[in-house]
């Protein structure tokens, strides 16, 4: 489980770094990128929960 948490921390750090330093000037594109990042983060949370439940089942 630890490698998954490290990957999740890296994804969150990338999201924060993007929003502070590398934002696109176009509002629509910036919003689309933020929605994409959010979708990836929530998808990874779902993956971690699924793998945890799978481990608990054994």
PDB file of N, CA and C in Angstrom:
ATOM      1  N   UNK A   1       0.823  -1.200   0.000  1.00  0.00           N
ATOM      2  CA  UNK A   1       0.000   0.000   0.000  1.00  0.00           C
ATOM      3  C   UNK A   1       0.867   1.264   0.000  1.00  0.00           C
ATOM      4  N   UNK A   2       2.078   1.148   0.539  1.00  0.00           N
ATOM      5  CA  UNK A   2       2.925   2.323   0.624  1.00  0.00           C
ATOM      6  C   UNK A   2       3.297   2.905  -0.746  1.00  0.00           C
ATOM      7  N   UNK A   3       3.649   2.073  -1.752  1.00  0.00           N
ATOM      8  CA  UNK A   3       3.959   2.669  -3.063  1.00  0.00           C
ATOM      9  C   UNK A   3       2.765   3.419  -3.669  1.00  0.00           C
ATOM     10  N   UNK A   4       1.570   2.929  -3.413  1.00  0.00           N
ATOM     11  CA  UNK A   4       0.379   3.612  -3.939  1.00  0.00           C
ATOM     12  C   UNK A   4       0.204   4.976  -3.284  1.00  0.00           C
ATOM     13  N   UNK A   5       0.492   5.068  -1.991  1.00  0.00           N
ATOM     14  CA  UNK A   5       0.390   6.361  -1.308  1.00  0.00           C
ATOM     15  C   UNK A   5       1.453   7.336  -1.792  1.00  0.00           C
ATOM     16  N   UNK A   6       2.632   6.823  -2.106  1.00  0.00           N
ATOM     17  CA  UNK A   6       3.696   7.679  -2.636  1.00  0.00           C
ATOM     18  C   UNK A   6       3.297   8.222  -4.010  1.00  0.00           C
ATOM     19  N   UNK A   7       2.738   7.360  -4.850  1.00  0.00           N
ATOM     20  CA  UNK A   7       2.278   7.798  -6.174  1.00  0.00           C
ATOM     21  C   UNK A   7       1.167   8.838  -6.020  1.00  0.00           C
ATOM     22  N   UNK A   8       0.256   8.613  -5.078  1.00  0.00           N
ATOM     23  CA  UNK A   8      -0.826   9.568  -4.848  1.00  0.00           C
ATOM     24  C   UNK A   8      -0.270  10.911  -4.371  1.00  0.00           C
ATOM     25  N   UNK A   9       0.730  10.880  -3.500  1.00  0.00           N
ATOM     26  CA  UNK A   9       1.344  12.123  -3.025  1.00  0.00           C
ATOM     27  C   UNK A   9       2.026  12.867  -4.174  1.00  0.00           C
ATOM     28  N   UNK A  10       2.659  12.129  -5.081  1.00  0.00           N
ATOM     29  CA  UNK A  10       3.298  12.757  -6.244  1.00  0.00           C
ATOM     30  C   UNK A  10       2.250  13.393  -7.156  1.00  0.00           C
ATOM     31  N   UNK A  11       1.118  12.701  -7.342  1.00  0.00           N
ATOM     32  CA  UNK A  11       0.037  13.273  -8.167  1.00  0.00           C
ATOM     33  C   UNK A  11      -0.518  14.556  -7.548  1.00  0.00           C
ATOM     34  N   UNK A  12      -0.711  14.558  -6.238  1.00  0.00           N
ATOM     35  CA  UNK A  12      -1.208  15.767  -5.567  1.00  0.00           C
ATOM     36  C   UNK A  12      -0.178  16.890  -5.677  1.00  0.00           C
ATOM     37  N   UNK A  13       1.104  16.557  -5.498  1.00  0.00           N
ATOM     38  CA  UNK A  13       2.155  17.573  -5.620  1.00  0.00           C
ATOM     39  C   UNK A  13       2.191  18.149  -7.034  1.00  0.00           C
ATOM     40  N   UNK A  14       2.026  17.298  -8.043  1.00  0.00           N
ATOM     41  CA  UNK A  14       2.002  17.781  -9.424  1.00  0.00           C
ATOM     42  C   UNK A  14       0.813  18.710  -9.657  1.00  0.00           C
ATOM     43  N   UNK A  15      -0.324  18.373  -9.085  1.00  0.00           N
ATOM     44  CA  UNK A  15      -1.523  19.208  -9.204  1.00  0.00           C
ATOM     45  C   UNK A  15      -1.284  20.583  -8.567  1.00  0.00           C
ATOM     46  N   UNK A  16      -0.693  20.596  -7.386  1.00  0.00           N
ATOM     47  CA  UNK A  16      -0.431  21.863  -6.694  1.00  0.00           C
ATOM     48  C   UNK A  16       0.606  22.693  -7.447  1.00  0.00           C
ATOM     49  N   UNK A  17       1.664  22.046  -7.903  1.00  0.00           N
ATOM     50  CA  UNK A  17       2.713  22.771  -8.649  1.00  0.00           C
ATOM     51  C   UNK A  17       2.137  23.358  -9.934  1.00  0.00           C
ATOM     52  N   UNK A  18       1.293  22.591 -10.626  1.00  0.00           N
ATOM     53  CA  UNK A  18       0.679  23.121 -11.845  1.00  0.00           C
ATOM     54  C   UNK A  18      -0.147  24.367 -11.536  1.00  0.00           C
ATOM     55  N   UNK A  19      -0.969  24.291 -10.504  1.00  0.00           N
ATOM     56  CA  UNK A  19      -1.854  25.418 -10.204  1.00  0.00           C
ATOM     57  C   UNK A  19      -1.109  26.653  -9.711  1.00  0.00           C
ATOM     58  N   UNK A  20       0.053  26.478  -9.100  1.00  0.00           N
ATOM     59  CA  UNK A  20       0.810  27.638  -8.639  1.00  0.00           C
ATOM     60  C   UNK A  20       1.734  28.220  -9.702  1.00  0.00           C
ATOM     61  N   UNK A  21       2.334  27.380 -10.541  1.00  0.00           N
ATOM     62  CA  UNK A  21       3.402  27.864 -11.412  1.00  0.00           C
ATOM     63  C   UNK A  21       3.136  27.742 -12.911  1.00  0.00           C
ATOM     64  N   UNK A  22       2.389  26.747 -13.346  1.00  0.00           N
ATOM     65  CA  UNK A  22       2.300  26.455 -14.772  1.00  0.00           C
ATOM     66  C   UNK A  22       0.891  26.583 -15.341  1.00  0.00           C
ATOM     67  N   UNK A  23       0.094  27.480 -14.807  1.00  0.00           N
ATOM     68  CA  UNK A  23      -1.267  27.624 -15.310  1.00  0.00           C
ATOM     69  C   UNK A  23      -1.268  28.171 -16.735  1.00  0.00           C
ATOM     70  N   UNK A  24      -2.226  27.685 -17.514  1.00  0.00           N
ATOM     71  CA  UNK A  24      -2.426  28.177 -18.867  1.00  0.00           C
ATOM     72  C   UNK A  24      -3.233  29.474 -18.771  1.00  0.00           C
ATOM     73  N   UNK A  25      -2.926  30.431 -19.612  1.00  0.00           N
ATOM     74  CA  UNK A  25      -3.598  31.727 -19.524  1.00  0.00           C
ATOM     75  C   UNK A  25      -5.056  31.662 -19.959  1.00  0.00           C
ATOM     76  N   UNK A  26      -5.387  30.760 -20.865  1.00  0.00           N
ATOM     77  CA  UNK A  26      -6.769  30.613 -21.318  1.00  0.00           C
ATOM     78  C   UNK A  26      -7.579  29.923 -20.218  1.00  0.00           C
ATOM     79  N   UNK A  27      -8.672  30.587 -19.792  1.00  0.00           N
ATOM     80  CA  UNK A  27      -9.476  30.066 -18.678  1.00  0.00           C
ATOM     81  C   UNK A  27     -10.127  28.724 -19.005  1.00  0.00           C
ATOM     82  N   UNK A  28     -10.625  28.564 -20.224  1.00  0.00           N
ATOM     83  CA  UNK A  28     -11.292  27.314 -20.590  1.00  0.00           C
ATOM     84  C   UNK A  28     -10.315  26.142 -20.592  1.00  0.00           C
ATOM     85  N   UNK A  29      -9.145  26.358 -21.145  1.00  0.00           N
ATOM     86  CA  UNK A  29      -8.132  25.297 -21.179  1.00  0.00           C
ATOM     87  C   UNK A  29      -7.649  24.976 -19.770  1.00  0.00           C
ATOM     88  N   UNK A  30      -7.445  25.999 -18.961  1.00  0.00           N
ATOM     89  CA  UNK A  30      -7.006  25.796 -17.584  1.00  0.00           C
ATOM     90  C   UNK A  30      -8.048  25.004 -16.798  1.00  0.00           C
ATOM     91  N   UNK A  31      -9.316  25.312 -16.995  1.00  0.00           N
ATOM     92  CA  UNK A  31     -10.377  24.571 -16.328  1.00  0.00           C
ATOM     93  C   UNK A  31     -10.421  23.126 -16.794  1.00  0.00           C
ATOM     94  N   UNK A  32     -10.233  22.902 -18.071  1.00  0.00           N
ATOM     95  CA  UNK A  32     -10.221  21.537 -18.598  1.00  0.00           C
ATOM     96  C   UNK A  32      -9.058  20.736 -18.025  1.00  0.00           C
ATOM     97  N   UNK A  33      -7.898  21.356 -17.898  1.00  0.00           N
ATOM     98  CA  UNK A  33      -6.742  20.670 -17.323  1.00  0.00           C
ATOM     99  C   UNK A  33      -6.991  20.360 -15.851  1.00  0.00           C
ATOM    100  N   UNK A  34      -7.571  21.300 -15.112  1.00  0.00           N
ATOM    101  CA  UNK A  34      -7.885  21.051 -13.704  1.00  0.00           C
ATOM    102  C   UNK A  34      -8.912  19.939 -13.544  1.00  0.00           C
ATOM    103  N   UNK A  35      -9.900  19.893 -14.407  1.00  0.00           N
ATOM    104  CA  UNK A  35     -10.893  18.811 -14.360  1.00  0.00           C
ATOM    105  C   UNK A  35     -10.219  17.474 -14.665  1.00  0.00           C
ATOM    106  N   UNK A  36      -9.315  17.462 -15.631  1.00  0.00           N
ATOM    107  CA  UNK A  36      -8.571  16.238 -15.941  1.00  0.00           C
ATOM    108  C   UNK A  36      -7.729  15.769 -14.763  1.00  0.00           C
ATOM    109  N   UNK A  37      -7.009  16.703 -14.141  1.00  0.00           N
ATOM    110  CA  UNK A  37      -6.221  16.352 -12.962  1.00  0.00           C
ATOM    111  C   UNK A  37      -7.110  15.802 -11.853  1.00  0.00           C
ATOM    112  N   UNK A  38      -8.238  16.465 -11.616  1.00  0.00           N
ATOM    113  CA  UNK A  38      -9.163  16.010 -10.582  1.00  0.00           C
ATOM    114  C   UNK A  38      -9.710  14.621 -10.878  1.00  0.00           C
ATOM    115  N   UNK A  39     -10.020  14.369 -12.127  1.00  0.00           N
ATOM    116  CA  UNK A  39     -10.521  13.052 -12.514  1.00  0.00           C
ATOM    117  C   UNK A  39      -9.471  11.969 -12.286  1.00  0.00           C
ATOM    118  N   UNK A  40      -8.236  12.278 -12.615  1.00  0.00           N
ATOM    119  CA  UNK A  40      -7.157  11.308 -12.389  1.00  0.00           C
ATOM    120  C   UNK A  40      -6.981  11.051 -10.899  1.00  0.00           C
ATOM    121  N   UNK A  41      -7.025  12.109 -10.086  1.00  0.00           N
ATOM    122  CA  UNK A  41      -6.871  11.939  -8.642  1.00  0.00           C
ATOM    123  C   UNK A  41      -8.004  11.101  -8.049  1.00  0.00           C
ATOM    124  N   UNK A  42      -9.242  11.398  -8.407  1.00  0.00           N
ATOM    125  CA  UNK A  42     -10.368  10.625  -7.871  1.00  0.00           C
ATOM    126  C   UNK A  42     -10.364   9.198  -8.401  1.00  0.00           C
ATOM    127  N   UNK A  43      -9.955   9.008  -9.642  1.00  0.00           N
ATOM    128  CA  UNK A  43      -9.830   7.659 -10.182  1.00  0.00           C
ATOM    129  C   UNK A  43      -8.776   6.857  -9.437  1.00  0.00           C
ATOM    130  N   UNK A  44      -7.677   7.500  -9.087  1.00  0.00           N
ATOM    131  CA  UNK A  44      -6.629   6.804  -8.343  1.00  0.00           C
ATOM    132  C   UNK A  44      -7.086   6.481  -6.925  1.00  0.00           C
ATOM    133  N   UNK A  45      -7.867   7.371  -6.307  1.00  0.00           N
ATOM    134  CA  UNK A  45      -8.446   7.070  -4.994  1.00  0.00           C
ATOM    135  C   UNK A  45      -9.337   5.840  -5.098  1.00  0.00           C
ATOM    136  N   UNK A  46     -10.143   5.758  -6.138  1.00  0.00           N
ATOM    137  CA  UNK A  46     -11.013   4.594  -6.333  1.00  0.00           C
ATOM    138  C   UNK A  46     -10.186   3.324  -6.523  1.00  0.00           C
ATOM    139  N   UNK A  47      -9.096   3.421  -7.285  1.00  0.00           N
ATOM    140  CA  UNK A  47      -8.216   2.272  -7.482  1.00  0.00           C
ATOM    141  C   UNK A  47      -7.605   1.816  -6.157  1.00  0.00           C
ATOM    142  N   UNK A  48      -7.151   2.772  -5.338  1.00  0.00           N
ATOM    143  CA  UNK A  48      -6.570   2.410  -4.045  1.00  0.00           C
ATOM    144  C   UNK A  48      -7.605   1.748  -3.145  1.00  0.00           C
ATOM    145  N   UNK A  49      -8.824   2.269  -3.133  1.00  0.00           N
ATOM    146  CA  UNK A  49      -9.880   1.676  -2.320  1.00  0.00           C
ATOM    147  C   UNK A  49     -10.201   0.265  -2.799  1.00  0.00           C
ATOM    148  N   UNK A  50     -10.266   0.072  -4.103  1.00  0.00           N
ATOM    149  CA  UNK A  50     -10.549  -1.251  -4.661  1.00  0.00           C
ATOM    150  C   UNK A  50      -9.460  -2.249  -4.290  1.00  0.00           C
ATOM    151  N   UNK A  51      -8.201  -1.828  -4.422  1.00  0.00           N
ATOM    152  CA  UNK A  51      -7.112  -2.744  -4.097  1.00  0.00           C
ATOM    153  C   UNK A  51      -7.063  -3.042  -2.594  1.00  0.00           C
ATOM    154  N   UNK A  52      -7.409  -2.067  -1.763  1.00  0.00           N
ATOM    155  CA  UNK A  52      -7.460  -2.295  -0.323  1.00  0.00           C
ATOM    156  C   UNK A  52      -8.567  -3.278   0.033  1.00  0.00           C
ATOM    157  N   UNK A  53      -9.738  -3.120  -0.573  1.00  0.00           N
ATOM    158  CA  UNK A  53     -10.824  -4.047  -0.319  1.00  0.00           C
ATOM    159  C   UNK A  53     -10.487  -5.457  -0.804  1.00  0.00           C
ATOM    160  N   UNK A  54      -9.767  -5.523  -1.902  1.00  0.00           N
ATOM    161  CA  UNK A  54      -9.345  -6.823  -2.428  1.00  0.00           C
ATOM    162  C   UNK A  54      -8.377  -7.505  -1.461  1.00  0.00           C
ATOM    163  N   UNK A  55      -7.467  -6.738  -0.869  1.00  0.00           N
ATOM    164  CA  UNK A  55      -6.525  -7.292   0.099  1.00  0.00           C
ATOM    165  C   UNK A  55      -7.238  -7.702   1.383  1.00  0.00           C
ATOM    166  N   UNK A  56      -8.245  -6.946   1.795  1.00  0.00           N
ATOM    167  CA  UNK A  56      -8.980  -7.277   3.014  1.00  0.00           C
ATOM    168  C   UNK A  56      -9.820  -8.530   2.838  1.00  0.00           C
ATOM    169  N   UNK A  57     -10.244  -8.809   1.620  1.00  0.00           N
ATOM    170  CA  UNK A  57     -11.076  -9.962   1.354  1.00  0.00           C
ATOM    171  C   UNK A  57     -10.306 -11.266   1.545  1.00  0.00           C
ATOM    172  N   UNK A  58      -9.004 -11.229   1.289  1.00  0.00           N
ATOM    173  CA  UNK A  58      -8.176 -12.440   1.393  1.00  0.00           C
ATOM    174  C   UNK A  58      -7.955 -12.848   2.823  1.00  0.00           C
TER     175      UNK A  58
END
